[in-house]
């Protein structure tokens, strides 16, 4: 369990997910993690891309600490968004976890080839889905030390 203090900013998590049921499970998984964070959800890949483009490169406090990315989103696919993130020097160090229902080995390989940090397949069981999100948040937010370029 991790709580932000006055000395440490609240971690920022961006999720790109267009399925309302999966967004609900995402929120439940974050609540289960008992980790203080600010979650911003985009149901469209283009809206997420526009948001990232609007963040000033030198405004480190506005950069997300983690991006959870579904592959099949309207506007821009998860692969297109992942490529955009990895080619923008401002976001190259931000961990990106693919959270997708696709178990296609080609999708998994492509995600890693495009430098995704992890690929998690959405479990069909809602309780398992919540546990997967809980574990993902616990690892990437509460356990891993973030990259600090300053």
Protein backbone atom coordinates (compact mmCIF):
# COMPACT_ATOMS: atom_id res chain seq x y z
CA UNK A 1 0.00 0.00 0.00
CA UNK A 2 1.29 3.44 -0.87
CA UNK A 3 0.07 6.91 -0.08
CA UNK A 4 1.29 10.14 -1.58
CA UNK A 5 2.71 12.66 0.85
CA UNK A 6 3.32 16.36 0.59
CA UNK A 7 6.85 15.52 -0.61
CA UNK A 8 5.75 13.12 -3.32
CA UNK A 9 3.25 14.02 -6.01
CA UNK A 10 0.21 11.84 -6.57
CA UNK A 11 1.01 9.32 -9.33
CA UNK A 12 -0.79 9.98 -12.61
CA UNK A 13 -2.24 7.02 -14.50
CA UNK A 14 -3.74 7.26 -17.97
CA UNK A 15 -5.99 4.46 -19.19
CA UNK A 16 -7.19 4.16 -22.76
CA UNK A 17 -10.23 1.90 -22.69
CA UNK A 18 -13.48 2.20 -24.64
CA UNK A 19 -15.48 -0.56 -22.94
CA UNK A 20 -17.51 0.88 -20.01
CA UNK A 21 -17.59 -2.51 -18.23
CA UNK A 22 -13.79 -2.74 -18.42
CA UNK A 23 -13.47 0.85 -17.14
CA UNK A 24 -15.62 -0.14 -14.15
CA UNK A 25 -13.37 -3.15 -13.47
CA UNK A 26 -10.33 -0.91 -13.86
CA UNK A 27 -11.66 1.47 -11.21
CA UNK A 28 -12.47 -1.46 -8.90
CA UNK A 29 -8.96 -2.88 -9.37
CA UNK A 30 -7.42 0.48 -8.53
CA UNK A 31 -9.58 0.74 -5.42
CA UNK A 32 -8.45 -2.76 -4.41
CA UNK A 33 -4.81 -1.69 -4.76
CA UNK A 34 -5.37 0.92 -2.03
CA UNK A 35 -2.83 3.15 -3.75
CA UNK A 36 -3.39 6.88 -4.01
CA UNK A 37 -3.31 7.94 -7.65
CA UNK A 38 -5.06 10.14 -10.16
CA UNK A 39 -6.72 8.20 -12.97
CA UNK A 40 -7.60 9.77 -16.32
CA UNK A 41 -9.58 7.54 -18.68
CA UNK A 42 -9.89 8.10 -22.41
CA UNK A 43 -12.40 6.03 -24.38
CA UNK A 44 -10.77 7.02 -27.66
CA UNK A 45 -7.16 6.65 -28.76
CA UNK A 46 -7.16 9.98 -30.57
CA UNK A 47 -8.33 11.82 -27.45
CA UNK A 48 -5.48 10.23 -25.49
CA UNK A 49 -3.00 11.23 -28.21
CA UNK A 50 -4.30 14.81 -28.14
CA UNK A 51 -3.97 14.91 -24.35
CA UNK A 52 -0.38 13.68 -24.45
CA UNK A 53 0.49 16.16 -27.21
CA UNK A 54 -0.81 19.00 -25.04
CA UNK A 55 1.56 18.18 -22.16
CA UNK A 56 4.65 20.36 -22.24
CA UNK A 57 7.83 18.27 -22.56
CA UNK A 58 9.43 20.00 -19.57
CA UNK A 59 6.34 19.75 -17.32
CA UNK A 60 7.42 16.53 -15.62
CA UNK A 61 4.69 16.82 -12.97
CA UNK A 62 2.09 16.51 -15.75
CA UNK A 63 3.62 13.40 -17.32
CA UNK A 64 1.82 10.16 -16.55
CA UNK A 65 3.55 7.64 -14.31
CA UNK A 66 1.83 4.73 -16.04
CA UNK A 67 -0.25 4.23 -19.18
CA UNK A 68 -2.70 1.33 -19.41
CA UNK A 69 -3.54 0.80 -23.05
CA UNK A 70 -6.20 -1.30 -24.77
CA UNK A 71 -5.30 -2.30 -28.32
CA UNK A 72 -8.73 -1.93 -29.91
CA UNK A 73 -9.87 1.63 -29.36
CA UNK A 74 -11.65 4.01 -31.71
CA UNK A 75 -9.88 7.03 -33.12
CA UNK A 76 -6.41 5.52 -32.92
CA UNK A 77 -5.50 1.93 -32.21
CA UNK A 78 -3.47 0.97 -29.19
CA UNK A 79 -0.57 0.10 -31.48
CA UNK A 80 -0.68 3.56 -33.08
CA UNK A 81 -0.76 5.19 -29.66
CA UNK A 82 2.08 2.99 -28.38
CA UNK A 83 4.21 4.01 -31.37
CA UNK A 84 3.42 7.67 -30.72
CA UNK A 85 4.40 7.32 -27.04
CA UNK A 86 7.64 5.50 -27.79
CA UNK A 87 8.75 8.00 -30.45
CA UNK A 88 8.10 11.04 -28.24
CA UNK A 89 11.18 11.64 -26.07
CA UNK A 90 8.99 13.19 -23.37
CA UNK A 91 7.21 9.87 -22.79
CA UNK A 92 9.75 7.20 -23.71
CA UNK A 93 10.45 6.33 -20.07
CA UNK A 94 6.77 6.10 -19.08
CA UNK A 95 5.78 2.47 -18.48
CA UNK A 96 3.09 1.29 -20.88
CA UNK A 97 1.12 -1.82 -20.01
CA UNK A 98 -1.10 -3.28 -22.71
CA UNK A 99 -4.36 -4.54 -21.19
CA UNK A 100 -6.20 -6.35 -23.97
CA UNK A 101 -8.63 -9.18 -24.52
CA UNK A 102 -6.48 -10.33 -27.46
CA UNK A 103 -4.50 -13.48 -26.82
CA UNK A 104 -3.16 -13.45 -30.37
CA UNK A 105 0.60 -14.18 -30.22
CA UNK A 106 1.15 -11.72 -33.07
CA UNK A 107 -0.46 -8.92 -31.04
CA UNK A 108 1.62 -9.81 -28.00
CA UNK A 109 4.86 -9.96 -30.01
CA UNK A 110 4.06 -6.70 -31.78
CA UNK A 111 3.37 -4.94 -28.47
CA UNK A 112 6.75 -6.00 -27.10
CA UNK A 113 8.48 -5.15 -30.38
CA UNK A 114 7.02 -1.63 -30.00
CA UNK A 115 8.50 -1.48 -26.47
CA UNK A 116 5.46 -2.11 -24.32
CA UNK A 117 6.65 -2.79 -20.78
CA UNK A 118 4.10 -5.56 -20.22
CA UNK A 119 1.16 -7.26 -21.89
CA UNK A 120 -1.75 -8.42 -19.73
CA UNK A 121 -4.68 -10.33 -21.16
CA UNK A 122 -8.03 -9.29 -19.72
CA UNK A 123 -9.45 -12.22 -17.78
CA UNK A 124 -13.05 -13.17 -18.62
CA UNK A 125 -13.90 -13.48 -14.92
CA UNK A 126 -14.58 -10.03 -13.41
CA UNK A 127 -12.94 -10.90 -10.07
CA UNK A 128 -9.78 -12.08 -11.84
CA UNK A 129 -9.83 -8.90 -13.94
CA UNK A 130 -9.97 -6.79 -10.77
CA UNK A 131 -7.09 -8.80 -9.24
CA UNK A 132 -5.02 -8.32 -12.42
CA UNK A 133 -5.51 -4.54 -12.30
CA UNK A 134 -4.78 -4.52 -8.56
CA UNK A 135 -1.49 -6.40 -9.14
CA UNK A 136 -0.57 -4.16 -12.07
CA UNK A 137 -1.11 -0.99 -10.04
CA UNK A 138 0.67 -2.41 -7.00
CA UNK A 139 3.70 -3.28 -9.12
CA UNK A 140 4.00 -0.23 -11.39
CA UNK A 141 2.87 2.45 -8.91
CA UNK A 142 3.52 1.17 -5.39
CA UNK A 143 6.65 -0.94 -6.01
CA UNK A 144 8.66 0.32 -8.98
CA UNK A 145 10.74 3.46 -8.55
CA UNK A 146 9.87 5.91 -11.33
CA UNK A 147 12.43 7.26 -13.77
CA UNK A 148 13.46 10.78 -12.79
CA UNK A 149 15.23 12.68 -15.55
CA UNK A 150 15.88 15.75 -13.39
